[in-house]
Amino acid sequence: MVVVGLFDSLRRRAKGGQKAGTLRKASSEDTRHLEDWVASRRGVEAFVEPKTNVTETTVVLIAHDGEWTRRRIGSLEAAQQFGHRRSIPVYEVARVGYPKRMREYTERKKRGEV
């Protein structure tokens, strides 16, 4: 006879050995992606998004033309250090919002112009 616990599915671990329902922390892959992205574009600015119930702190990098990428980052302080080391400005989204060029780029991409 096989006994299956009622809550076993809740105890299962997600990919990478992480408990289901826990937030994934920033990884070296995240940092490497951000570094490569900054190095391959010009006019990059960083916009830090606060931690939520669903995601850890994230940073959105936005290039001069509005192209953007988002990855996890450890904290606001980690984002500020990242920006300082690469000489890019860092802003808090909660204070300044997203730049218009990001929204315009997203619209152009939806229309297939990018």
PDB file of N, CA and C in Angstrom:
ATOM      1  N   MET A   1       0.836  -1.170   0.000  1.00  0.00           N
ATOM      2  CA  MET A   1       0.000   0.000   0.000  1.00  0.00           C
ATOM      3  C   MET A   1       0.891   1.247   0.000  1.00  0.00           C
ATOM      4  N   VAL A   2       0.549   2.221  -0.841  1.00  0.00           N
ATOM      5  CA  VAL A   2       1.299   3.464  -0.950  1.00  0.00           C
ATOM      6  C   VAL A   2       0.528   4.556  -0.229  1.00  0.00           C
ATOM      7  N   VAL A   3       1.217   5.217   0.678  1.00  0.00           N
ATOM      8  CA  VAL A   3       0.584   6.302   1.415  1.00  0.00           C
ATOM      9  C   VAL A   3       1.123   7.627   0.865  1.00  0.00           C
ATOM     10  N   VAL A   4       0.230   8.475   0.445  1.00  0.00           N
ATOM     11  CA  VAL A   4       0.606   9.778  -0.088  1.00  0.00           C
ATOM     12  C   VAL A   4       0.098  10.838   0.873  1.00  0.00           C
ATOM     13  N   GLY A   5       1.008  11.675   1.320  1.00  0.00           N
ATOM     14  CA  GLY A   5       0.622  12.745   2.232  1.00  0.00           C
ATOM     15  C   GLY A   5      -0.228  13.787   1.527  1.00  0.00           C
ATOM     16  N   LEU A   6      -1.176  14.312   2.227  1.00  0.00           N
ATOM     17  CA  LEU A   6      -2.087  15.299   1.676  1.00  0.00           C
ATOM     18  C   LEU A   6      -1.359  16.553   1.190  1.00  0.00           C
ATOM     19  N   PHE A   7      -0.298  16.939   1.872  1.00  0.00           N
ATOM     20  CA  PHE A   7       0.399  18.177   1.530  1.00  0.00           C
ATOM     21  C   PHE A   7       1.763  17.943   0.882  1.00  0.00           C
ATOM     22  N   ASP A   8       2.033  16.718   0.410  1.00  0.00           N
ATOM     23  CA  ASP A   8       3.322  16.435  -0.214  1.00  0.00           C
ATOM     24  C   ASP A   8       3.607  17.340  -1.406  1.00  0.00           C
ATOM     25  N   SER A   9       2.597  17.629  -2.191  1.00  0.00           N
ATOM     26  CA  SER A   9       2.827  18.469  -3.373  1.00  0.00           C
ATOM     27  C   SER A   9       3.255  19.878  -2.974  1.00  0.00           C
ATOM     28  N   LEU A  10       2.844  20.330  -1.812  1.00  0.00           N
ATOM     29  CA  LEU A  10       3.238  21.658  -1.346  1.00  0.00           C
ATOM     30  C   LEU A  10       4.680  21.687  -0.853  1.00  0.00           C
ATOM     31  N   ARG A  11       5.190  20.524  -0.471  1.00  0.00           N
ATOM     32  CA  ARG A  11       6.552  20.441   0.056  1.00  0.00           C
ATOM     33  C   ARG A  11       7.593  20.211  -1.034  1.00  0.00           C
ATOM     34  N   ARG A  12       7.143  19.863  -2.224  1.00  0.00           N
ATOM     35  CA  ARG A  12       8.091  19.589  -3.303  1.00  0.00           C
ATOM     36  C   ARG A  12       8.939  20.814  -3.579  1.00  0.00           C
ATOM     37  N   ARG A  13      10.116  20.539  -4.026  1.00  0.00           N
ATOM     38  CA  ARG A  13      11.032  21.635  -4.343  1.00  0.00           C
ATOM     39  C   ARG A  13      10.921  21.989  -5.821  1.00  0.00           C
ATOM     40  N   ALA A  14      11.046  23.262  -6.090  1.00  0.00           N
ATOM     41  CA  ALA A  14      11.043  23.741  -7.470  1.00  0.00           C
ATOM     42  C   ALA A  14      12.407  23.475  -8.089  1.00  0.00           C
ATOM     43  N   LYS A  15      12.596  23.869  -9.340  1.00  0.00           N
ATOM     44  CA  LYS A  15      13.886  23.713 -10.006  1.00  0.00           C
ATOM     45  C   LYS A  15      14.982  24.344  -9.171  1.00  0.00           C
ATOM     46  N   GLY A  16      16.132  23.708  -9.169  1.00  0.00           N
ATOM     47  CA  GLY A  16      17.270  24.268  -8.459  1.00  0.00           C
ATOM     48  C   GLY A  16      17.237  24.012  -6.962  1.00  0.00           C
ATOM     49  N   GLY A  17      16.347  23.137  -6.479  1.00  0.00           N
ATOM     50  CA  GLY A  17      16.296  22.819  -5.068  1.00  0.00           C
ATOM     51  C   GLY A  17      15.628  23.882  -4.221  1.00  0.00           C
ATOM     52  N   GLN A  18      15.032  24.842  -4.829  1.00  0.00           N
ATOM     53  CA  GLN A  18      14.370  25.923  -4.102  1.00  0.00           C
ATOM     54  C   GLN A  18      12.972  25.484  -3.710  1.00  0.00           C
ATOM     55  N   LYS A  19      12.560  25.822  -2.501  1.00  0.00           N
ATOM     56  CA  LYS A  19      11.206  25.493  -2.071  1.00  0.00           C
ATOM     57  C   LYS A  19      10.198  26.187  -2.967  1.00  0.00           C
ATOM     58  N   ALA A  20       9.140  25.473  -3.313  1.00  0.00           N
ATOM     59  CA  ALA A  20       8.083  26.066  -4.118  1.00  0.00           C
ATOM     60  C   ALA A  20       7.504  27.263  -3.370  1.00  0.00           C
ATOM     61  N   GLY A  21       7.235  28.318  -4.103  1.00  0.00           N
ATOM     62  CA  GLY A  21       6.642  29.499  -3.492  1.00  0.00           C
ATOM     63  C   GLY A  21       7.642  30.491  -2.926  1.00  0.00           C
ATOM     64  N   THR A  22       8.946  30.178  -2.993  1.00  0.00           N
ATOM     65  CA  THR A  22       9.943  31.133  -2.515  1.00  0.00           C
ATOM     66  C   THR A  22      10.491  31.918  -3.702  1.00  0.00           C
ATOM     67  N   LEU A  23      10.956  33.114  -3.439  1.00  0.00           N
ATOM     68  CA  LEU A  23      11.462  33.979  -4.498  1.00  0.00           C
ATOM     69  C   LEU A  23      12.897  33.616  -4.841  1.00  0.00           C
ATOM     70  N   ARG A  24      13.212  33.624  -6.131  1.00  0.00           N
ATOM     71  CA  ARG A  24      14.571  33.346  -6.570  1.00  0.00           C
ATOM     72  C   ARG A  24      15.415  34.602  -6.381  1.00  0.00           C
ATOM     73  N   LYS A  25      16.586  34.424  -5.831  1.00  0.00           N
ATOM     74  CA  LYS A  25      17.511  35.539  -5.622  1.00  0.00           C
ATOM     75  C   LYS A  25      18.267  35.825  -6.914  1.00  0.00           C
ATOM     76  N   ALA A  26      18.902  36.981  -6.976  1.00  0.00           N
ATOM     77  CA  ALA A  26      19.737  37.327  -8.117  1.00  0.00           C
ATOM     78  C   ALA A  26      20.891  36.336  -8.210  1.00  0.00           C
ATOM     79  N   SER A  27      21.238  35.958  -9.429  1.00  0.00           N
ATOM     80  CA  SER A  27      22.313  34.992  -9.637  1.00  0.00           C
ATOM     81  C   SER A  27      23.451  35.634 -10.420  1.00  0.00           C
ATOM     82  N   SER A  28      24.547  34.904 -10.518  1.00  0.00           N
ATOM     83  CA  SER A  28      25.669  35.400 -11.318  1.00  0.00           C
ATOM     84  C   SER A  28      25.268  35.490 -12.788  1.00  0.00           C
ATOM     85  N   GLU A  29      24.344  34.636 -13.233  1.00  0.00           N
ATOM     86  CA  GLU A  29      23.845  34.713 -14.615  1.00  0.00           C
ATOM     87  C   GLU A  29      23.105  36.029 -14.841  1.00  0.00           C
ATOM     88  N   ASP A  30      22.324  36.455 -13.845  1.00  0.00           N
ATOM     89  CA  ASP A  30      21.625  37.741 -13.944  1.00  0.00           C
ATOM     90  C   ASP A  30      22.634  38.878 -14.093  1.00  0.00           C
ATOM     91  N   THR A  31      23.637  38.876 -13.240  1.00  0.00           N
ATOM     92  CA  THR A  31      24.650  39.932 -13.264  1.00  0.00           C
ATOM     93  C   THR A  31      25.417  39.921 -14.575  1.00  0.00           C
ATOM     94  N   ARG A  32      25.771  38.737 -15.051  1.00  0.00           N
ATOM     95  CA  ARG A  32      26.506  38.627 -16.313  1.00  0.00           C
ATOM     96  C   ARG A  32      25.674  39.190 -17.478  1.00  0.00           C
ATOM     97  N   HIS A  33      24.377  38.873 -17.485  1.00  0.00           N
ATOM     98  CA  HIS A  33      23.497  39.404 -18.533  1.00  0.00           C
ATOM     99  C   HIS A  33      23.481  40.934 -18.494  1.00  0.00           C
ATOM    100  N   LEU A  34      23.342  41.495 -17.295  1.00  0.00           N
ATOM    101  CA  LEU A  34      23.310  42.953 -17.154  1.00  0.00           C
ATOM    102  C   LEU A  34      24.622  43.579 -17.627  1.00  0.00           C
ATOM    103  N   GLU A  35      25.744  42.975 -17.241  1.00  0.00           N
ATOM    104  CA  GLU A  35      27.053  43.497 -17.645  1.00  0.00           C
ATOM    105  C   GLU A  35      27.208  43.474 -19.163  1.00  0.00           C
ATOM    106  N   ASP A  36      26.843  42.347 -19.783  1.00  0.00           N
ATOM    107  CA  ASP A  36      26.946  42.224 -21.239  1.00  0.00           C
ATOM    108  C   ASP A  36      26.032  43.225 -21.933  1.00  0.00           C
ATOM    109  N   TRP A  37      24.856  43.415 -21.379  1.00  0.00           N
ATOM    110  CA  TRP A  37      23.877  44.318 -21.982  1.00  0.00           C
ATOM    111  C   TRP A  37      24.391  45.755 -21.958  1.00  0.00           C
ATOM    112  N   VAL A  38      24.926  46.174 -20.824  1.00  0.00           N
ATOM    113  CA  VAL A  38      25.474  47.534 -20.703  1.00  0.00           C
ATOM    114  C   VAL A  38      26.632  47.727 -21.678  1.00  0.00           C
ATOM    115  N   ALA A  39      27.485  46.717 -21.792  1.00  0.00           N
ATOM    116  CA  ALA A  39      28.665  46.828 -22.652  1.00  0.00           C
ATOM    117  C   ALA A  39      28.305  46.912 -24.132  1.00  0.00           C
ATOM    118  N   SER A  40      27.151  46.407 -24.515  1.00  0.00           N
ATOM    119  CA  SER A  40      26.801  46.348 -25.936  1.00  0.00           C
ATOM    120  C   SER A  40      25.832  47.444 -26.383  1.00  0.00           C
ATOM    121  N   ARG A  41      25.497  48.367 -25.493  1.00  0.00           N
ATOM    122  CA  ARG A  41      24.568  49.451 -25.837  1.00  0.00           C
ATOM    123  C   ARG A  41      25.098  50.777 -25.319  1.00  0.00           C
ATOM    124  N   ARG A  42      24.551  51.862 -25.875  1.00  0.00           N
ATOM    125  CA  ARG A  42      25.011  53.180 -25.417  1.00  0.00           C
ATOM    126  C   ARG A  42      23.868  53.921 -24.732  1.00  0.00           C
ATOM    127  N   GLY A  43      24.239  54.884 -23.903  1.00  0.00           N
ATOM    128  CA  GLY A  43      23.247  55.706 -23.220  1.00  0.00           C
ATOM    129  C   GLY A  43      22.385  54.941 -22.234  1.00  0.00           C
ATOM    130  N   VAL A  44      22.952  53.941 -21.569  1.00  0.00           N
ATOM    131  CA  VAL A  44      22.177  53.081 -20.669  1.00  0.00           C
ATOM    132  C   VAL A  44      21.967  53.755 -19.317  1.00  0.00           C
ATOM    133  N   GLU A  45      20.739  53.637 -18.813  1.00  0.00           N
ATOM    134  CA  GLU A  45      20.386  54.080 -17.467  1.00  0.00           C
ATOM    135  C   GLU A  45      19.739  52.902 -16.750  1.00  0.00           C
ATOM    136  N   ALA A  46      19.875  52.868 -15.424  1.00  0.00           N
ATOM    137  CA  ALA A  46      19.307  51.785 -14.619  1.00  0.00           C
ATOM    138  C   ALA A  46      18.137  52.313 -13.794  1.00  0.00           C
ATOM    139  N   PHE A  47      17.052  51.551 -13.781  1.00  0.00           N
ATOM    140  CA  PHE A  47      15.862  51.893 -13.005  1.00  0.00           C
ATOM    141  C   PHE A  47      15.565  50.720 -12.080  1.00  0.00           C
ATOM    142  N   VAL A  48      15.612  50.965 -10.773  1.00  0.00           N
ATOM    143  CA  VAL A  48      15.445  49.907  -9.781  1.00  0.00           C
ATOM    144  C   VAL A  48      13.977  49.783  -9.394  1.00  0.00           C
ATOM    145  N   GLU A  49      13.476  48.543  -9.465  1.00  0.00           N
ATOM    146  CA  GLU A  49      12.104  48.238  -9.058  1.00  0.00           C
ATOM    147  C   GLU A  49      12.153  47.567  -7.687  1.00  0.00           C
ATOM    148  N   PRO A  50      11.336  47.996  -6.748  1.00  0.00           N
ATOM    149  CA  PRO A  50      11.393  47.428  -5.396  1.00  0.00           C
ATOM    150  C   PRO A  50      10.912  45.981  -5.353  1.00  0.00           C
ATOM    151  N   LYS A  51      11.330  45.293  -4.318  1.00  0.00           N
ATOM    152  CA  LYS A  51      10.881  43.926  -4.068  1.00  0.00           C
ATOM    153  C   LYS A  51       9.365  43.930  -3.867  1.00  0.00           C
ATOM    154  N   THR A  52       8.720  42.893  -4.387  1.00  0.00           N
ATOM    155  CA  THR A  52       7.275  42.737  -4.203  1.00  0.00           C
ATOM    156  C   THR A  52       7.006  41.357  -3.620  1.00  0.00           C
ATOM    157  N   ASN A  53       5.743  41.009  -3.463  1.00  0.00           N
ATOM    158  CA  ASN A  53       5.396  39.667  -2.994  1.00  0.00           C
ATOM    159  C   ASN A  53       5.727  38.609  -4.032  1.00  0.00           C
ATOM    160  N   VAL A  54       5.884  39.027  -5.271  1.00  0.00           N
ATOM    161  CA  VAL A  54       6.086  38.085  -6.371  1.00  0.00           C
ATOM    162  C   VAL A  54       7.531  38.022  -6.844  1.00  0.00           C
ATOM    163  N   THR A  55       8.261  39.135  -6.785  1.00  0.00           N
ATOM    164  CA  THR A  55       9.642  39.160  -7.277  1.00  0.00           C
ATOM    165  C   THR A  55      10.570  39.859  -6.292  1.00  0.00           C
ATOM    166  N   GLU A  56      11.825  39.497  -6.395  1.00  0.00           N
ATOM    167  CA  GLU A  56      12.867  40.189  -5.639  1.00  0.00           C
ATOM    168  C   GLU A  56      13.096  41.559  -6.282  1.00  0.00           C
ATOM    169  N   THR A  57      13.995  42.339  -5.719  1.00  0.00           N
ATOM    170  CA  THR A  57      14.359  43.625  -6.304  1.00  0.00           C
ATOM    171  C   THR A  57      14.896  43.378  -7.708  1.00  0.00           C
ATOM    172  N   THR A  58      14.445  44.183  -8.665  1.00  0.00           N
ATOM    173  CA  THR A  58      14.913  44.041 -10.040  1.00  0.00           C
ATOM    174  C   THR A  58      15.445  45.376 -10.536  1.00  0.00           C
ATOM    175  N   VAL A  59      16.248  45.292 -11.587  1.00  0.00           N
ATOM    176  CA  VAL A  59      16.752  46.496 -12.236  1.00  0.00           C
ATOM    177  C   VAL A  59      16.381  46.408 -13.712  1.00  0.00           C
ATOM    178  N   VAL A  60      15.882  47.515 -14.238  1.00  0.00           N
ATOM    179  CA  VAL A  60      15.573  47.620 -15.660  1.00  0.00           C
ATOM    180  C   VAL A  60      16.635  48.522 -16.268  1.00  0.00           C
ATOM    181  N   LEU A  61      17.380  47.984 -17.226  1.00  0.00           N
ATOM    182  CA  LEU A  61      18.361  48.788 -17.945  1.00  0.00           C
ATOM    183  C   LEU A  61      17.705  49.284 -19.219  1.00  0.00           C
ATOM    184  N   ILE A  62      17.823  50.585 -19.482  1.00  0.00           N
ATOM    185  CA  ILE A  62      17.183  51.185 -20.648  1.00  0.00           C
ATOM    186  C   ILE A  62      18.239  51.930 -21.459  1.00  0.00           C
ATOM    187  N   ALA A  63      18.350  51.567 -22.731  1.00  0.00           N
ATOM    188  CA  ALA A  63      19.327  52.183 -23.629  1.00  0.00           C
ATOM    189  C   ALA A  63      18.787  53.497 -24.195  1.00  0.00           C
ATOM    190  N   HIS A  64      19.622  54.199 -24.939  1.00  0.00           N
ATOM    191  CA  HIS A  64      19.261  55.512 -25.507  1.00  0.00           C
ATOM    192  C   HIS A  64      18.027  55.448 -26.396  1.00  0.00           C
ATOM    193  N   ASP A  65      17.819  54.306 -27.071  1.00  0.00           N
ATOM    194  CA  ASP A  65      16.698  54.176 -28.009  1.00  0.00           C
ATOM    195  C   ASP A  65      15.443  53.589 -27.368  1.00  0.00           C
ATOM    196  N   GLY A  66      15.506  53.294 -26.067  1.00  0.00           N
ATOM    197  CA  GLY A  66      14.354  52.746 -25.360  1.00  0.00           C
ATOM    198  C   GLY A  66      14.378  51.243 -25.205  1.00  0.00           C
ATOM    199  N   GLU A  67      15.314  50.574 -25.887  1.00  0.00           N
ATOM    200  CA  GLU A  67      15.433  49.121 -25.706  1.00  0.00           C
ATOM    201  C   GLU A  67      15.731  48.863 -24.243  1.00  0.00           C
ATOM    202  N   TRP A  68      15.167  47.787 -23.688  1.00  0.00           N
ATOM    203  CA  TRP A  68      15.341  47.555 -22.264  1.00  0.00           C
ATOM    204  C   TRP A  68      15.435  46.068 -21.949  1.00  0.00           C
ATOM    205  N   THR A  69      15.960  45.795 -20.761  1.00  0.00           N
ATOM    206  CA  THR A  69      16.028  44.441 -20.225  1.00  0.00           C
ATOM    207  C   THR A  69      15.835  44.529 -18.722  1.00  0.00           C
ATOM    208  N   ARG A  70      15.320  43.448 -18.134  1.00  0.00           N
ATOM    209  CA  ARG A  70      15.054  43.423 -16.687  1.00  0.00           C
ATOM    210  C   ARG A  70      15.647  42.143 -16.102  1.00  0.00           C
ATOM    211  N   ARG A  71      16.320  42.289 -14.976  1.00  0.00           N
ATOM    212  CA  ARG A  71      16.862  41.137 -14.255  1.00  0.00           C
ATOM    213  C   ARG A  71      16.813  41.413 -12.754  1.00  0.00           C
ATOM    214  N   ARG A  72      16.890  40.336 -11.990  1.00  0.00           N
ATOM    215  CA  ARG A  72      16.948  40.471 -10.533  1.00  0.00           C
ATOM    216  C   ARG A  72      18.300  41.052 -10.130  1.00  0.00           C
ATOM    217  N   ILE A  73      18.267  41.779  -9.028  1.00  0.00           N
ATOM    218  CA  ILE A  73      19.501  42.311  -8.440  1.00  0.00           C
ATOM    219  C   ILE A  73      19.296  42.243  -6.931  1.00  0.00           C
ATOM    220  N   GLY A  74      20.349  42.107  -6.179  1.00  0.00           N
ATOM    221  CA  GLY A  74      20.229  41.860  -4.748  1.00  0.00           C
ATOM    222  C   GLY A  74      19.449  42.890  -3.948  1.00  0.00           C
ATOM    223  N   SER A  75      19.659  44.167  -4.248  1.00  0.00           N
ATOM    224  CA  SER A  75      19.036  45.237  -3.466  1.00  0.00           C
ATOM    225  C   SER A  75      19.236  46.564  -4.192  1.00  0.00           C
ATOM    226  N   LEU A  76      18.642  47.609  -3.653  1.00  0.00           N
ATOM    227  CA  LEU A  76      18.864  48.952  -4.199  1.00  0.00           C
ATOM    228  C   LEU A  76      20.350  49.290  -4.127  1.00  0.00           C
ATOM    229  N   GLU A  77      20.983  48.951  -3.014  1.00  0.00           N
ATOM    230  CA  GLU A  77      22.408  49.233  -2.847  1.00  0.00           C
ATOM    231  C   GLU A  77      23.237  48.485  -3.889  1.00  0.00           C
ATOM    232  N   ALA A  78      22.877  47.235  -4.161  1.00  0.00           N
ATOM    233  CA  ALA A  78      23.598  46.454  -5.175  1.00  0.00           C
ATOM    234  C   ALA A  78      23.443  47.097  -6.551  1.00  0.00           C
ATOM    235  N   ALA A  79      22.261  47.608  -6.844  1.00  0.00           N
ATOM    236  CA  ALA A  79      22.020  48.283  -8.122  1.00  0.00           C
ATOM    237  C   ALA A  79      22.848  49.563  -8.209  1.00  0.00           C
ATOM    238  N   GLN A  80      22.923  50.301  -7.104  1.00  0.00           N
ATOM    239  CA  GLN A  80      23.715  51.533  -7.092  1.00  0.00           C
ATOM    240  C   GLN A  80      25.198  51.229  -7.301  1.00  0.00           C
ATOM    241  N   GLN A  81      25.684  50.166  -6.680  1.00  0.00           N
ATOM    242  CA  GLN A  81      27.082  49.764  -6.871  1.00  0.00           C
ATOM    243  C   GLN A  81      27.326  49.338  -8.318  1.00  0.00           C
ATOM    244  N   PHE A  82      26.382  48.574  -8.878  1.00  0.00           N
ATOM    245  CA  PHE A  82      26.476  48.141 -10.269  1.00  0.00           C
ATOM    246  C   PHE A  82      26.586  49.365 -11.183  1.00  0.00           C
ATOM    247  N   GLY A  83      25.721  50.335 -10.981  1.00  0.00           N
ATOM    248  CA  GLY A  83      25.739  51.544 -11.795  1.00  0.00           C
ATOM    249  C   GLY A  83      27.015  52.350 -11.613  1.00  0.00           C
ATOM    250  N   HIS A  84      27.457  52.482 -10.386  1.00  0.00           N
ATOM    251  CA  HIS A  84      28.670  53.250 -10.102  1.00  0.00           C
ATOM    252  C   HIS A  84      29.879  52.630 -10.800  1.00  0.00           C
ATOM    253  N   ARG A  85      30.012  51.303 -10.719  1.00  0.00           N
ATOM    254  CA  ARG A  85      31.152  50.617 -11.344  1.00  0.00           C
ATOM    255  C   ARG A  85      31.146  50.776 -12.863  1.00  0.00           C
ATOM    256  N   ARG A  86      29.979  50.983 -13.447  1.00  0.00           N
ATOM    257  CA  ARG A  86      29.869  51.092 -14.906  1.00  0.00           C
ATOM    258  C   ARG A  86      29.580  52.522 -15.367  1.00  0.00           C
ATOM    259  N   SER A  87      29.598  53.442 -14.430  1.00  0.00           N
ATOM    260  CA  SER A  87      29.358  54.868 -14.720  1.00  0.00           C
ATOM    261  C   SER A  87      28.025  55.106 -15.418  1.00  0.00           C
ATOM    262  N   ILE A  88      26.972  54.445 -14.914  1.00  0.00           N
ATOM    263  CA  ILE A  88      25.629  54.691 -15.445  1.00  0.00           C
ATOM    264  C   ILE A  88      24.740  55.199 -14.310  1.00  0.00           C
ATOM    265  N   PRO A  89      23.828  56.106 -14.613  1.00  0.00           N
ATOM    266  CA  PRO A  89      22.939  56.622 -13.568  1.00  0.00           C
ATOM    267  C   PRO A  89      21.934  55.566 -13.116  1.00  0.00           C
ATOM    268  N   VAL A  90      21.581  55.625 -11.843  1.00  0.00           N
ATOM    269  CA  VAL A  90      20.625  54.677 -11.256  1.00  0.00           C
ATOM    270  C   VAL A  90      19.484  55.475 -10.635  1.00  0.00           C
ATOM    271  N   TYR A  91      18.259  55.111 -10.994  1.00  0.00           N
ATOM    272  CA  TYR A  91      17.065  55.792 -10.485  1.00  0.00           C
ATOM    273  C   TYR A  91      16.143  54.777  -9.826  1.00  0.00           C
ATOM    274  N   GLU A  92      15.331  55.245  -8.893  1.00  0.00           N
ATOM    275  CA  GLU A  92      14.302  54.402  -8.290  1.00  0.00           C
ATOM    276  C   GLU A  92      12.999  54.630  -9.050  1.00  0.00           C
ATOM    277  N   VAL A  93      12.437  53.566  -9.602  1.00  0.00           N
ATOM    278  CA  VAL A  93      11.204  53.668 -10.382  1.00  0.00           C
ATOM    279  C   VAL A  93      10.080  54.275  -9.552  1.00  0.00           C
ATOM    280  N   ALA A  94      10.021  53.930  -8.277  1.00  0.00           N
ATOM    281  CA  ALA A  94       8.947  54.438  -7.416  1.00  0.00           C
ATOM    282  C   ALA A  94       8.998  55.964  -7.297  1.00  0.00           C
ATOM    283  N   ARG A  95      10.164  56.552  -7.498  1.00  0.00           N
ATOM    284  CA  ARG A  95      10.309  58.011  -7.377  1.00  0.00           C
ATOM    285  C   ARG A  95      10.189  58.741  -8.712  1.00  0.00           C
ATOM    286  N   VAL A  96      10.753  58.149  -9.772  1.00  0.00           N
ATOM    287  CA  VAL A  96      10.824  58.879 -11.043  1.00  0.00           C
ATOM    288  C   VAL A  96      10.000  58.262 -12.166  1.00  0.00           C
ATOM    289  N   GLY A  97       9.549  57.030 -12.000  1.00  0.00           N
ATOM    290  CA  GLY A  97       8.807  56.359 -13.069  1.00  0.00           C
ATOM    291  C   GLY A  97       9.737  55.878 -14.175  1.00  0.00           C
ATOM    292  N   TYR A  98       9.126  55.343 -15.244  1.00  0.00           N
ATOM    293  CA  TYR A  98       9.891  54.859 -16.388  1.00  0.00           C
ATOM    294  C   TYR A  98       9.977  55.966 -17.437  1.00  0.00           C
ATOM    295  N   PRO A  99      11.073  56.011 -18.180  1.00  0.00           N
ATOM    296  CA  PRO A  99      11.186  57.053 -19.206  1.00  0.00           C
ATOM    297  C   PRO A  99      10.267  56.783 -20.399  1.00  0.00           C
ATOM    298  N   LYS A 100       9.864  57.848 -21.038  1.00  0.00           N
ATOM    299  CA  LYS A 100       8.954  57.767 -22.184  1.00  0.00           C
ATOM    300  C   LYS A 100       9.537  56.905 -23.302  1.00  0.00           C
ATOM    301  N   ARG A 101      10.861  56.973 -23.493  1.00  0.00           N
ATOM    302  CA  ARG A 101      11.476  56.220 -24.587  1.00  0.00           C
ATOM    303  C   ARG A 101      11.297  54.713 -24.426  1.00  0.00           C
ATOM    304  N   MET A 102      11.169  54.238 -23.178  1.00  0.00           N
ATOM    305  CA  MET A 102      10.928  52.813 -22.942  1.00  0.00           C
ATOM    306  C   MET A 102       9.536  52.425 -23.451  1.00  0.00           C
ATOM    307  N   ARG A 103       8.551  53.223 -23.119  1.00  0.00           N
ATOM    308  CA  ARG A 103       7.178  52.943 -23.573  1.00  0.00           C
ATOM    309  C   ARG A 103       7.081  53.033 -25.091  1.00  0.00           C
ATOM    310  N   GLU A 104       7.755  54.018 -25.662  1.00  0.00           N
ATOM    311  CA  GLU A 104       7.740  54.168 -27.119  1.00  0.00           C
ATOM    312  C   GLU A 104       8.399  52.978 -27.808  1.00  0.00           C
ATOM    313  N   TYR A 105       9.500  52.482 -27.246  1.00  0.00           N
ATOM    314  CA  TYR A 105      10.184  51.317 -27.809  1.00  0.00           C
ATOM    315  C   TYR A 105       9.267  50.093 -27.761  1.00  0.00           C
ATOM    316  N   THR A 106       8.594  49.908 -26.630  1.00  0.00           N
ATOM    317  CA  THR A 106       7.689  48.768 -26.484  1.00  0.00           C
ATOM    318  C   THR A 106       6.570  48.844 -27.517  1.00  0.00           C
ATOM    319  N   GLU A 107       6.038  50.024 -27.751  1.00  0.00           N
ATOM    320  CA  GLU A 107       4.989  50.196 -28.770  1.00  0.00           C
ATOM    321  C   GLU A 107       5.526  49.894 -30.170  1.00  0.00           C
ATOM    322  N   ARG A 108       6.728  50.385 -30.480  1.00  0.00           N
ATOM    323  CA  ARG A 108       7.329  50.098 -31.793  1.00  0.00           C
ATOM    324  C   ARG A 108       7.544  48.604 -31.969  1.00  0.00           C
ATOM    325  N   LYS A 109       7.953  47.939 -30.904  1.00  0.00           N
ATOM    326  CA  LYS A 109       8.191  46.490 -30.969  1.00  0.00           C
ATOM    327  C   LYS A 109       6.875  45.744 -31.216  1.00  0.00           C
ATOM    328  N   LYS A 110       5.805  46.164 -30.556  1.00  0.00           N
ATOM    329  CA  LYS A 110       4.492  45.540 -30.763  1.00  0.00           C
ATOM    330  C   LYS A 110       4.035  45.677 -32.211  1.00  0.00           C
ATOM    331  N   ARG A 111       4.352  46.814 -32.828  1.00  0.00           N
ATOM    332  CA  ARG A 111       3.964  47.057 -34.219  1.00  0.00           C
ATOM    333  C   ARG A 111       4.926  46.395 -35.206  1.00  0.00           C
ATOM    334  N   GLY A 112       5.988  45.776 -34.697  1.00  0.00           N
ATOM    335  CA  GLY A 112       6.955  45.106 -35.563  1.00  0.00           C
ATOM    336  C   GLY A 112       7.938  46.035 -36.239  1.00  0.00           C
ATOM    337  N   GLU A 113       8.103  47.210 -35.706  1.00  0.00           N
ATOM    338  CA  GLU A 113       9.009  48.198 -36.298  1.00  0.00           C
ATOM    339  C   GLU A 113      10.438  48.072 -35.776  1.00  0.00           C
ATOM    340  N   VAL A 114      10.645  47.232 -34.807  1.00  0.00           N
ATOM    341  CA  VAL A 114      11.983  47.076 -34.221  1.00  0.00           C
ATOM    342  C   VAL A 114      12.515  45.705 -34.556  1.00  0.00           C
TER     343      VAL A 114
END
